[in-house]
Amino acid sequence: MQTIEFRRELIRALVALFAMATTVGCTHAFQTSGEALPERMHVGEFTFQRPQGDGWYLENVSDPPTIVEFTKRGPQWEAQILVMGFHPEGRVSNSNELMEWAQELPDADKVVAPAPGHGATCVRYHGRSVMTLHYANTPNPVSNSIATDEDSLECIDPHQPGLLVRFITTQRSATGGTPEGTAEAYAFLKSIQFAEK
């Protein structure tokens, strides 16, 4: 009887060791630590550096049109990187049309500028949005504001006409982004490169 119980415990221990060995660098089944990723990542016909700085995680579940999603969170803030590919409703096939399309993005304080050097027709975008949440059905009604600073690279995919690829970095908190977060966002966006046709 003791031999059977010992075998069961041994099998459980081996299963646990196997599970730990196969999930190195994972916080749970749907996230991978940024430090466990290669320095330069390849996705389809473009590459980019993994996010710089500590605390980044790759979400291992895709949700089209999202291709890649990184997050990092603190007590009252969140930073995120999304890579999305989609076909816009209107025609976007050259730099002028791409500039017009980016100008229609909903944020305030928008800045849109050409962004050469990525192997595709791209523009850089910056915008800010503020959302106020009202908690009225509580003993002490309160309002909280969340500011989101977005910096992104919008590109016309040179390999698939009509496809836009958005590389979006956001910082959310009561006051928006920080200089450190902005430096990480700029480093990520600068690293994006499409392969030559």
N, C-alpha and C. Protein backbone atom coordinates (compact mmCIF):
# COMPACT_ATOMS: atom_id res chain seq x y z
N MET A 1 0.81 -1.19 0.00
CA MET A 1 0.00 0.00 0.00
C MET A 1 0.86 1.26 0.00
N GLN A 2 1.95 1.24 0.83
CA GLN A 2 2.83 2.38 0.87
C GLN A 2 3.53 2.59 -0.47
N THR A 3 3.84 1.52 -1.19
CA THR A 3 4.50 1.61 -2.48
C THR A 3 3.61 2.32 -3.49
N ILE A 4 2.31 1.99 -3.50
CA ILE A 4 1.36 2.64 -4.41
C ILE A 4 1.26 4.12 -4.10
N GLU A 5 1.16 4.46 -2.81
CA GLU A 5 1.07 5.87 -2.40
C GLU A 5 2.35 6.62 -2.77
N PHE A 6 3.52 5.98 -2.58
CA PHE A 6 4.79 6.60 -2.95
C PHE A 6 4.85 6.87 -4.45
N ARG A 7 4.40 5.93 -5.25
CA ARG A 7 4.39 6.13 -6.70
C ARG A 7 3.49 7.29 -7.10
N ARG A 8 2.32 7.39 -6.45
CA ARG A 8 1.41 8.51 -6.75
C ARG A 8 2.09 9.84 -6.42
N GLU A 9 2.75 9.92 -5.26
CA GLU A 9 3.43 11.15 -4.87
C GLU A 9 4.58 11.47 -5.84
N LEU A 10 5.30 10.44 -6.27
CA LEU A 10 6.39 10.64 -7.23
C LEU A 10 5.85 11.16 -8.56
N ILE A 11 4.76 10.59 -9.02
CA ILE A 11 4.14 11.04 -10.28
C ILE A 11 3.68 12.49 -10.15
N ARG A 12 3.07 12.85 -9.01
CA ARG A 12 2.64 14.24 -8.80
C ARG A 12 3.83 15.19 -8.83
N ALA A 13 4.92 14.78 -8.18
CA ALA A 13 6.12 15.63 -8.15
C ALA A 13 6.70 15.80 -9.55
N LEU A 14 6.74 14.72 -10.33
CA LEU A 14 7.26 14.80 -11.70
C LEU A 14 6.39 15.68 -12.58
N VAL A 15 5.08 15.56 -12.41
CA VAL A 15 4.15 16.42 -13.17
C VAL A 15 4.38 17.88 -12.81
N ALA A 16 4.54 18.17 -11.52
CA ALA A 16 4.78 19.55 -11.09
C ALA A 16 6.10 20.08 -11.65
N LEU A 17 7.16 19.25 -11.62
CA LEU A 17 8.45 19.68 -12.19
C LEU A 17 8.33 19.92 -13.68
N PHE A 18 7.62 19.07 -14.39
CA PHE A 18 7.43 19.26 -15.83
C PHE A 18 6.68 20.56 -16.10
N ALA A 19 5.65 20.83 -15.32
CA ALA A 19 4.89 22.07 -15.51
C ALA A 19 5.76 23.28 -15.27
N MET A 20 6.60 23.24 -14.22
CA MET A 20 7.48 24.38 -13.95
C MET A 20 8.50 24.55 -15.07
N ALA A 21 9.03 23.45 -15.59
CA ALA A 21 10.04 23.53 -16.64
C ALA A 21 9.47 24.08 -17.94
N THR A 22 8.22 23.79 -18.20
CA THR A 22 7.63 24.26 -19.46
C THR A 22 7.07 25.66 -19.37
N THR A 23 7.03 26.23 -18.16
CA THR A 23 6.49 27.59 -18.04
C THR A 23 7.54 28.57 -17.51
N VAL A 24 8.81 28.32 -17.79
CA VAL A 24 9.86 29.24 -17.36
C VAL A 24 9.59 30.60 -17.98
N GLY A 25 9.68 31.66 -17.19
CA GLY A 25 9.44 33.02 -17.67
C GLY A 25 7.97 33.39 -17.71
N CYS A 26 7.08 32.53 -17.28
CA CYS A 26 5.65 32.84 -17.31
C CYS A 26 5.16 33.21 -15.91
N THR A 27 4.28 34.19 -15.85
CA THR A 27 3.65 34.49 -14.57
C THR A 27 2.43 33.61 -14.39
N HIS A 28 1.72 33.35 -15.43
CA HIS A 28 0.67 32.34 -15.45
C HIS A 28 0.50 31.92 -16.90
N ALA A 29 -0.49 31.12 -17.16
CA ALA A 29 -0.60 30.49 -18.48
C ALA A 29 -0.74 31.48 -19.62
N PHE A 30 -1.17 32.72 -19.36
CA PHE A 30 -1.44 33.64 -20.46
C PHE A 30 -0.51 34.84 -20.51
N GLN A 31 0.60 34.83 -19.77
CA GLN A 31 1.56 35.92 -19.80
C GLN A 31 2.97 35.38 -19.80
N THR A 32 3.87 36.07 -20.50
CA THR A 32 5.30 35.75 -20.49
C THR A 32 6.06 36.99 -20.08
N SER A 33 6.98 36.84 -19.15
CA SER A 33 7.80 37.96 -18.70
C SER A 33 8.60 38.53 -19.86
N GLY A 34 8.67 39.86 -19.96
CA GLY A 34 9.44 40.51 -21.03
C GLY A 34 10.90 40.13 -21.01
N GLU A 35 11.45 39.89 -19.81
CA GLU A 35 12.86 39.53 -19.71
C GLU A 35 13.15 38.17 -20.34
N ALA A 36 12.14 37.32 -20.49
CA ALA A 36 12.33 35.98 -21.08
C ALA A 36 12.23 36.00 -22.60
N LEU A 37 11.93 37.16 -23.18
CA LEU A 37 11.75 37.26 -24.64
C LEU A 37 13.07 37.59 -25.32
N PRO A 38 13.19 37.25 -26.61
CA PRO A 38 14.42 37.64 -27.33
C PRO A 38 14.52 39.16 -27.42
N GLU A 39 15.74 39.66 -27.55
CA GLU A 39 15.96 41.12 -27.61
C GLU A 39 15.22 41.74 -28.79
N ARG A 40 15.23 41.05 -29.94
CA ARG A 40 14.52 41.55 -31.12
C ARG A 40 13.49 40.50 -31.51
N MET A 41 12.25 40.95 -31.71
CA MET A 41 11.15 40.04 -31.99
C MET A 41 10.69 40.19 -33.44
N HIS A 42 10.35 39.08 -34.07
CA HIS A 42 9.88 39.03 -35.45
C HIS A 42 8.40 38.65 -35.45
N VAL A 43 7.58 39.46 -36.10
CA VAL A 43 6.15 39.16 -36.25
C VAL A 43 5.80 39.43 -37.70
N GLY A 44 5.52 38.38 -38.46
CA GLY A 44 5.21 38.57 -39.87
C GLY A 44 6.37 39.23 -40.59
N GLU A 45 6.07 40.35 -41.29
CA GLU A 45 7.11 41.02 -42.07
C GLU A 45 7.76 42.18 -41.35
N PHE A 46 7.50 42.37 -40.04
CA PHE A 46 8.16 43.44 -39.31
C PHE A 46 8.82 42.91 -38.03
N THR A 47 9.77 43.69 -37.52
CA THR A 47 10.48 43.34 -36.29
C THR A 47 10.49 44.56 -35.37
N PHE A 48 10.73 44.30 -34.08
CA PHE A 48 10.87 45.38 -33.11
C PHE A 48 11.61 44.84 -31.90
N GLN A 49 12.20 45.75 -31.12
CA GLN A 49 12.83 45.35 -29.87
C GLN A 49 11.75 45.07 -28.84
N ARG A 50 12.03 44.09 -27.98
CA ARG A 50 11.09 43.87 -26.87
C ARG A 50 11.06 45.16 -26.04
N PRO A 51 9.96 45.40 -25.32
CA PRO A 51 9.88 46.63 -24.52
C PRO A 51 11.04 46.73 -23.53
N GLN A 52 11.59 47.94 -23.43
CA GLN A 52 12.69 48.18 -22.50
C GLN A 52 12.13 48.52 -21.12
N GLY A 53 12.92 48.34 -20.09
CA GLY A 53 12.46 48.61 -18.74
C GLY A 53 11.93 47.35 -18.08
N ASP A 54 11.70 47.43 -16.79
CA ASP A 54 11.25 46.28 -16.00
C ASP A 54 9.73 46.19 -15.96
N GLY A 55 9.25 44.97 -15.74
CA GLY A 55 7.84 44.77 -15.45
C GLY A 55 6.93 44.51 -16.64
N TRP A 56 7.48 44.42 -17.85
CA TRP A 56 6.64 44.18 -19.03
C TRP A 56 6.29 42.70 -19.14
N TYR A 57 5.06 42.42 -19.60
CA TYR A 57 4.62 41.06 -19.85
C TYR A 57 3.96 40.99 -21.22
N LEU A 58 4.24 39.90 -21.93
CA LEU A 58 3.59 39.62 -23.21
C LEU A 58 2.34 38.81 -22.93
N GLU A 59 1.20 39.31 -23.40
CA GLU A 59 -0.04 38.54 -23.29
C GLU A 59 -0.01 37.47 -24.39
N ASN A 60 -0.18 36.21 -24.02
CA ASN A 60 -0.02 35.12 -24.97
C ASN A 60 -1.29 34.77 -25.74
N VAL A 61 -2.34 35.54 -25.56
CA VAL A 61 -3.59 35.28 -26.27
C VAL A 61 -3.85 36.44 -27.21
N SER A 62 -4.02 36.15 -28.50
CA SER A 62 -4.30 37.22 -29.46
C SER A 62 -5.80 37.40 -29.60
N ASP A 63 -6.19 38.63 -29.90
CA ASP A 63 -7.60 38.97 -30.04
C ASP A 63 -7.72 39.90 -31.24
N PRO A 64 -7.87 39.34 -32.46
CA PRO A 64 -7.87 40.17 -33.66
C PRO A 64 -8.81 41.37 -33.53
N PRO A 65 -8.39 42.56 -34.01
CA PRO A 65 -7.22 42.81 -34.85
C PRO A 65 -5.90 42.95 -34.10
N THR A 66 -5.89 42.74 -32.76
CA THR A 66 -4.63 42.84 -32.02
C THR A 66 -3.74 41.65 -32.37
N ILE A 67 -2.49 41.95 -32.72
CA ILE A 67 -1.52 40.91 -33.08
C ILE A 67 -0.61 40.62 -31.89
N VAL A 68 -0.17 41.67 -31.20
CA VAL A 68 0.73 41.55 -30.06
C VAL A 68 0.25 42.51 -28.98
N GLU A 69 0.34 42.07 -27.72
CA GLU A 69 -0.04 42.95 -26.60
C GLU A 69 0.93 42.76 -25.44
N PHE A 70 1.54 43.87 -25.00
CA PHE A 70 2.39 43.90 -23.82
C PHE A 70 1.71 44.79 -22.78
N THR A 71 1.85 44.44 -21.49
CA THR A 71 1.34 45.31 -20.43
C THR A 71 2.32 45.34 -19.28
N LYS A 72 2.25 46.42 -18.52
CA LYS A 72 2.87 46.46 -17.20
C LYS A 72 2.02 47.36 -16.34
N ARG A 73 1.90 46.98 -15.05
CA ARG A 73 0.98 47.68 -14.17
C ARG A 73 1.63 47.99 -12.83
N GLY A 74 1.22 49.11 -12.28
CA GLY A 74 1.59 49.47 -10.92
C GLY A 74 0.33 49.64 -10.11
N PRO A 75 0.45 50.16 -8.88
CA PRO A 75 -0.73 50.29 -8.01
C PRO A 75 -1.85 51.15 -8.62
N GLN A 76 -1.49 52.26 -9.27
CA GLN A 76 -2.52 53.14 -9.82
C GLN A 76 -2.16 53.62 -11.22
N TRP A 77 -1.48 52.77 -11.99
CA TRP A 77 -1.11 53.13 -13.36
C TRP A 77 -0.98 51.86 -14.20
N GLU A 78 -1.01 52.06 -15.50
CA GLU A 78 -0.85 50.95 -16.45
C GLU A 78 -0.18 51.48 -17.70
N ALA A 79 0.73 50.70 -18.25
CA ALA A 79 1.33 50.99 -19.55
C ALA A 79 1.03 49.81 -20.46
N GLN A 80 0.81 50.09 -21.72
CA GLN A 80 0.44 49.03 -22.65
C GLN A 80 1.04 49.30 -24.02
N ILE A 81 1.37 48.23 -24.71
CA ILE A 81 1.80 48.30 -26.11
C ILE A 81 0.91 47.34 -26.88
N LEU A 82 0.26 47.86 -27.92
CA LEU A 82 -0.57 47.04 -28.79
C LEU A 82 -0.06 47.14 -30.21
N VAL A 83 0.00 46.02 -30.90
CA VAL A 83 0.27 46.00 -32.34
C VAL A 83 -0.99 45.46 -32.99
N MET A 84 -1.59 46.28 -33.87
CA MET A 84 -2.86 45.92 -34.49
C MET A 84 -2.75 46.02 -36.01
N GLY A 85 -3.33 45.08 -36.71
CA GLY A 85 -3.40 45.13 -38.17
C GLY A 85 -4.85 45.08 -38.62
N PHE A 86 -5.23 46.02 -39.49
CA PHE A 86 -6.63 46.04 -39.94
C PHE A 86 -6.74 46.80 -41.25
N HIS A 87 -7.86 46.61 -41.94
CA HIS A 87 -8.18 47.34 -43.16
C HIS A 87 -9.11 48.49 -42.80
N PRO A 88 -8.67 49.74 -42.97
CA PRO A 88 -9.53 50.87 -42.63
C PRO A 88 -10.71 50.97 -43.58
N GLU A 89 -11.76 51.67 -43.14
CA GLU A 89 -12.95 51.82 -43.98
C GLU A 89 -12.66 52.61 -45.25
N GLY A 90 -11.94 53.70 -45.12
CA GLY A 90 -11.60 54.51 -46.31
C GLY A 90 -10.26 54.09 -46.88
N ARG A 91 -9.96 54.62 -48.05
CA ARG A 91 -8.71 54.31 -48.73
C ARG A 91 -7.54 55.00 -48.03
N VAL A 92 -6.50 54.23 -47.71
CA VAL A 92 -5.27 54.76 -47.13
C VAL A 92 -4.11 54.07 -47.85
N SER A 93 -3.61 54.73 -48.90
CA SER A 93 -2.59 54.07 -49.72
C SER A 93 -1.33 54.90 -49.93
N ASN A 94 -1.29 56.14 -49.38
CA ASN A 94 -0.08 56.96 -49.51
C ASN A 94 0.08 57.82 -48.26
N SER A 95 1.16 58.57 -48.20
CA SER A 95 1.46 59.33 -46.97
C SER A 95 0.42 60.41 -46.68
N ASN A 96 -0.11 61.08 -47.72
CA ASN A 96 -1.13 62.10 -47.48
C ASN A 96 -2.40 61.50 -46.89
N GLU A 97 -2.85 60.38 -47.46
CA GLU A 97 -4.05 59.72 -46.93
C GLU A 97 -3.83 59.19 -45.52
N LEU A 98 -2.60 58.73 -45.24
CA LEU A 98 -2.29 58.24 -43.90
C LEU A 98 -2.29 59.39 -42.89
N MET A 99 -1.75 60.56 -43.27
CA MET A 99 -1.78 61.74 -42.40
C MET A 99 -3.23 62.15 -42.10
N GLU A 100 -4.07 62.17 -43.13
CA GLU A 100 -5.47 62.54 -42.94
C GLU A 100 -6.17 61.53 -42.01
N TRP A 101 -5.90 60.25 -42.21
CA TRP A 101 -6.52 59.23 -41.38
C TRP A 101 -6.10 59.41 -39.92
N ALA A 102 -4.81 59.64 -39.67
CA ALA A 102 -4.32 59.80 -38.30
C ALA A 102 -4.88 61.06 -37.64
N GLN A 103 -5.11 62.11 -38.43
CA GLN A 103 -5.69 63.34 -37.87
C GLN A 103 -7.11 63.11 -37.33
N GLU A 104 -7.77 62.07 -37.81
CA GLU A 104 -9.15 61.78 -37.38
C GLU A 104 -9.21 60.92 -36.12
N LEU A 105 -8.07 60.49 -35.59
CA LEU A 105 -8.08 59.72 -34.35
C LEU A 105 -8.66 60.58 -33.23
N PRO A 106 -9.35 59.99 -32.26
CA PRO A 106 -10.21 60.78 -31.36
C PRO A 106 -9.53 61.57 -30.25
N ASP A 107 -8.26 61.41 -30.00
CA ASP A 107 -7.65 62.08 -28.85
C ASP A 107 -7.56 63.59 -29.04
N ALA A 108 -7.31 64.30 -27.94
CA ALA A 108 -7.08 65.74 -27.98
C ALA A 108 -5.57 66.00 -28.06
N ASP A 109 -5.21 67.27 -28.29
CA ASP A 109 -3.79 67.67 -28.36
C ASP A 109 -3.00 66.80 -29.33
N LYS A 110 -3.58 66.52 -30.48
CA LYS A 110 -2.95 65.61 -31.45
C LYS A 110 -1.75 66.26 -32.13
N VAL A 111 -0.71 65.44 -32.32
CA VAL A 111 0.45 65.82 -33.12
C VAL A 111 0.71 64.66 -34.06
N VAL A 112 0.69 64.94 -35.36
CA VAL A 112 0.93 63.91 -36.37
C VAL A 112 2.06 64.39 -37.27
N ALA A 113 3.06 63.52 -37.51
CA ALA A 113 4.21 63.91 -38.33
C ALA A 113 4.69 62.71 -39.12
N PRO A 114 5.27 62.95 -40.33
CA PRO A 114 5.84 61.83 -41.09
C PRO A 114 6.93 61.13 -40.28
N ALA A 115 7.07 59.83 -40.49
CA ALA A 115 8.07 59.04 -39.75
C ALA A 115 8.83 58.14 -40.73
N PRO A 116 9.81 58.69 -41.42
CA PRO A 116 10.59 57.86 -42.35
C PRO A 116 11.54 56.92 -41.60
N GLY A 117 12.09 55.95 -42.34
CA GLY A 117 13.13 55.10 -41.77
C GLY A 117 12.67 53.79 -41.18
N HIS A 118 11.42 53.40 -41.41
CA HIS A 118 10.92 52.13 -40.87
C HIS A 118 10.70 51.07 -41.94
N GLY A 119 11.02 51.37 -43.20
CA GLY A 119 10.82 50.41 -44.27
C GLY A 119 9.40 50.38 -44.80
N ALA A 120 8.59 51.38 -44.42
CA ALA A 120 7.19 51.48 -44.85
C ALA A 120 6.79 52.95 -44.76
N THR A 121 5.64 53.29 -45.35
CA THR A 121 5.09 54.63 -45.20
C THR A 121 4.44 54.71 -43.83
N CYS A 122 4.98 55.57 -42.95
CA CYS A 122 4.52 55.64 -41.57
C CYS A 122 4.39 57.09 -41.12
N VAL A 123 3.52 57.32 -40.14
CA VAL A 123 3.44 58.60 -39.45
C VAL A 123 3.51 58.34 -37.95
N ARG A 124 4.07 59.32 -37.22
CA ARG A 124 4.10 59.27 -35.76
C ARG A 124 2.93 60.07 -35.24
N TYR A 125 2.34 59.58 -34.18
CA TYR A 125 1.15 60.18 -33.62
C TYR A 125 1.32 60.34 -32.11
N HIS A 126 0.85 61.46 -31.58
CA HIS A 126 0.73 61.64 -30.13
C HIS A 126 -0.64 62.25 -29.85
N GLY A 127 -1.29 61.75 -28.83
CA GLY A 127 -2.57 62.30 -28.41
C GLY A 127 -2.80 62.02 -26.94
N ARG A 128 -3.77 62.73 -26.38
CA ARG A 128 -4.09 62.57 -24.95
C ARG A 128 -5.60 62.55 -24.80
N SER A 129 -6.09 61.69 -23.92
CA SER A 129 -7.52 61.67 -23.60
C SER A 129 -7.68 61.60 -22.09
N VAL A 130 -8.76 62.16 -21.60
CA VAL A 130 -9.06 62.14 -20.17
C VAL A 130 -10.48 61.62 -19.99
N MET A 131 -10.62 60.65 -19.10
CA MET A 131 -11.92 60.07 -18.80
C MET A 131 -12.19 60.27 -17.31
N THR A 132 -13.39 60.72 -16.98
CA THR A 132 -13.75 60.92 -15.58
C THR A 132 -14.80 59.89 -15.19
N LEU A 133 -14.53 59.19 -14.10
CA LEU A 133 -15.44 58.18 -13.58
C LEU A 133 -16.14 58.75 -12.36
N HIS A 134 -17.47 58.70 -12.35
CA HIS A 134 -18.27 59.20 -11.22
C HIS A 134 -18.85 58.02 -10.46
N TYR A 135 -18.56 57.96 -9.17
CA TYR A 135 -19.13 56.93 -8.31
C TYR A 135 -20.17 57.62 -7.42
N ALA A 136 -21.39 57.73 -7.91
CA ALA A 136 -22.43 58.49 -7.22
C ALA A 136 -23.22 57.65 -6.22
N ASN A 137 -23.34 56.35 -6.47
CA ASN A 137 -24.17 55.50 -5.60
C ASN A 137 -23.36 54.92 -4.45
N THR A 138 -22.63 55.78 -3.77
CA THR A 138 -21.85 55.37 -2.60
C THR A 138 -22.13 56.36 -1.47
N PRO A 139 -21.81 55.99 -0.25
CA PRO A 139 -22.04 56.93 0.87
C PRO A 139 -21.30 58.26 0.67
N ASN A 140 -20.11 58.20 0.07
CA ASN A 140 -19.34 59.41 -0.22
C ASN A 140 -19.07 59.47 -1.72
N PRO A 141 -19.94 60.13 -2.49
CA PRO A 141 -19.74 60.21 -3.95
C PRO A 141 -18.36 60.78 -4.27
N VAL A 142 -17.74 60.20 -5.28
CA VAL A 142 -16.40 60.62 -5.65
C VAL A 142 -16.25 60.56 -7.17
N SER A 143 -15.35 61.36 -7.69
CA SER A 143 -15.02 61.33 -9.12
C SER A 143 -13.52 61.12 -9.28
N ASN A 144 -13.14 60.23 -10.16
CA ASN A 144 -11.74 59.97 -10.47
C ASN A 144 -11.49 60.22 -11.94
N SER A 145 -10.38 60.87 -12.24
CA SER A 145 -9.99 61.09 -13.63
C SER A 145 -8.83 60.19 -14.00
N ILE A 146 -8.89 59.65 -15.21
CA ILE A 146 -7.80 58.83 -15.75
C ILE A 146 -7.34 59.50 -17.04
N ALA A 147 -6.06 59.85 -17.09
CA ALA A 147 -5.49 60.45 -18.31
C ALA A 147 -4.69 59.39 -19.04
N THR A 148 -4.86 59.34 -20.36
CA THR A 148 -4.13 58.40 -21.20
C THR A 148 -3.31 59.17 -22.21
N ASP A 149 -1.99 58.96 -22.17
CA ASP A 149 -1.10 59.51 -23.19
C ASP A 149 -0.79 58.40 -24.18
N GLU A 150 -1.03 58.68 -25.45
CA GLU A 150 -0.77 57.69 -26.51
C GLU A 150 0.30 58.21 -27.44
N ASP A 151 1.30 57.38 -27.70
CA ASP A 151 2.29 57.61 -28.75
C ASP A 151 2.26 56.39 -29.64
N SER A 152 2.17 56.61 -30.94
CA SER A 152 2.04 55.46 -31.83
C SER A 152 2.70 55.70 -33.17
N LEU A 153 2.90 54.61 -33.87
CA LEU A 153 3.41 54.62 -35.23
C LEU A 153 2.34 53.96 -36.08
N GLU A 154 1.87 54.68 -37.09
CA GLU A 154 0.83 54.17 -37.99
C GLU A 154 1.50 53.91 -39.34
N CYS A 155 1.42 52.67 -39.84
CA CYS A 155 2.15 52.31 -41.06
C CYS A 155 1.25 51.63 -42.07
N ILE A 156 1.50 51.92 -43.35
CA ILE A 156 0.87 51.18 -44.44
C ILE A 156 1.75 49.97 -44.70
N ASP A 157 1.20 48.80 -44.57
CA ASP A 157 1.98 47.57 -44.75
C ASP A 157 2.47 47.49 -46.20
N PRO A 158 3.79 47.47 -46.42
CA PRO A 158 4.29 47.44 -47.80
C PRO A 158 4.07 46.11 -48.50
N HIS A 159 3.74 45.06 -47.75
CA HIS A 159 3.58 43.73 -48.32
C HIS A 159 2.11 43.37 -48.59
N GLN A 160 1.20 44.07 -47.91
CA GLN A 160 -0.22 43.79 -48.07
C GLN A 160 -0.97 45.09 -48.30
N PRO A 161 -1.14 45.48 -49.54
CA PRO A 161 -1.81 46.76 -49.84
C PRO A 161 -3.17 46.87 -49.16
N GLY A 162 -3.44 48.05 -48.61
CA GLY A 162 -4.71 48.29 -47.94
C GLY A 162 -4.70 47.96 -46.46
N LEU A 163 -3.63 47.32 -45.97
CA LEU A 163 -3.56 46.95 -44.56
C LEU A 163 -2.78 48.01 -43.80
N LEU A 164 -3.35 48.49 -42.69
CA LEU A 164 -2.64 49.40 -41.79
C LEU A 164 -2.16 48.59 -40.59
N VAL A 165 -0.95 48.92 -40.13
CA VAL A 165 -0.43 48.32 -38.90
C VAL A 165 -0.19 49.47 -37.93
N ARG A 166 -0.83 49.38 -36.77
CA ARG A 166 -0.68 50.40 -35.73
C ARG A 166 0.15 49.83 -34.59
N PHE A 167 1.19 50.56 -34.21
CA PHE A 167 2.03 50.22 -33.07
C PHE A 167 1.71 51.27 -32.00
N ILE A 168 0.91 50.92 -31.01
CA ILE A 168 0.34 51.88 -30.07
C ILE A 168 0.95 51.68 -28.69
N THR A 169 1.49 52.75 -28.12
CA THR A 169 1.95 52.71 -26.74
C THR A 169 1.08 53.67 -25.94
N THR A 170 0.60 53.22 -24.77
CA THR A 170 -0.23 54.09 -23.93
C THR A 170 0.27 54.03 -22.49
N GLN A 171 0.07 55.15 -21.80
CA GLN A 171 0.33 55.25 -20.37
C GLN A 171 -0.92 55.82 -19.72
N ARG A 172 -1.44 55.14 -18.70
CA ARG A 172 -2.67 55.57 -18.03
C ARG A 172 -2.43 55.73 -16.54
N SER A 173 -2.86 56.87 -16.03
CA SER A 173 -2.84 57.11 -14.59
C SER A 173 -3.66 58.37 -14.34
N ALA A 174 -3.71 58.82 -13.10
CA ALA A 174 -4.44 60.05 -12.80
C ALA A 174 -3.82 61.25 -13.50
N THR A 175 -2.51 61.20 -13.76
CA THR A 175 -1.82 62.34 -14.39
C THR A 175 -1.29 62.01 -15.78
N GLY A 176 -1.53 60.82 -16.29
CA GLY A 176 -1.03 60.44 -17.61
C GLY A 176 0.36 59.83 -17.54
N GLY A 177 1.15 60.07 -18.59
CA GLY A 177 2.45 59.43 -18.71
C GLY A 177 3.53 60.06 -17.86
N THR A 178 4.66 59.34 -17.76
CA THR A 178 5.84 59.81 -17.04
C THR A 178 6.98 59.93 -18.04
N PRO A 179 8.02 60.70 -17.70
CA PRO A 179 9.19 60.78 -18.61
C PRO A 179 9.82 59.40 -18.87
N GLU A 180 9.88 58.55 -17.85
CA GLU A 180 10.45 57.21 -18.03
C GLU A 180 9.60 56.38 -18.99
N GLY A 181 8.27 56.45 -18.81
CA GLY A 181 7.37 55.72 -19.69
C GLY A 181 7.43 56.23 -21.12
N THR A 182 7.56 57.53 -21.27
CA THR A 182 7.67 58.10 -22.62
C THR A 182 8.96 57.67 -23.29
N ALA A 183 10.06 57.60 -22.54
CA ALA A 183 11.33 57.13 -23.09
C ALA A 183 11.22 55.68 -23.56
N GLU A 184 10.53 54.83 -22.77
CA GLU A 184 10.32 53.44 -23.17
C GLU A 184 9.47 53.36 -24.43
N ALA A 185 8.42 54.20 -24.51
CA ALA A 185 7.55 54.20 -25.69
C ALA A 185 8.34 54.62 -26.93
N TYR A 186 9.13 55.68 -26.82
CA TYR A 186 9.91 56.15 -27.97
C TYR A 186 10.91 55.10 -28.42
N ALA A 187 11.57 54.42 -27.47
CA ALA A 187 12.53 53.37 -27.83
C ALA A 187 11.86 52.25 -28.60
N PHE A 188 10.67 51.84 -28.14
CA PHE A 188 9.94 50.78 -28.84
C PHE A 188 9.57 51.22 -30.25
N LEU A 189 8.98 52.41 -30.39
CA LEU A 189 8.52 52.87 -31.70
C LEU A 189 9.70 53.07 -32.66
N LYS A 190 10.81 53.56 -32.15
CA LYS A 190 11.99 53.77 -32.99
C LYS A 190 12.53 52.44 -33.54
N SER A 191 12.34 51.35 -32.80
CA SER A 191 12.93 50.06 -33.18
C SER A 191 12.17 49.32 -34.27
N ILE A 192 10.97 49.80 -34.64
CA ILE A 192 10.11 49.05 -35.59
C ILE A 192 10.69 49.13 -36.98
N GLN A 193 10.78 47.97 -37.63
CA GLN A 193 11.34 47.90 -38.98
C GLN A 193 10.60 46.86 -39.80
N PHE A 194 10.12 47.28 -40.96
CA PHE A 194 9.51 46.34 -41.91
C PHE A 194 10.59 45.76 -42.81
N ALA A 195 10.45 44.48 -43.16
CA ALA A 195 11.39 43.85 -44.08
C ALA A 195 11.22 44.41 -45.47
N GLU A 196 12.30 44.43 -46.25
CA GLU A 196 12.21 44.91 -47.63
C GLU A 196 11.41 43.93 -48.46
N LYS A 197 10.70 44.49 -49.45
CA LYS A 197 9.90 43.64 -50.34
C LYS A 197 10.80 42.78 -51.20
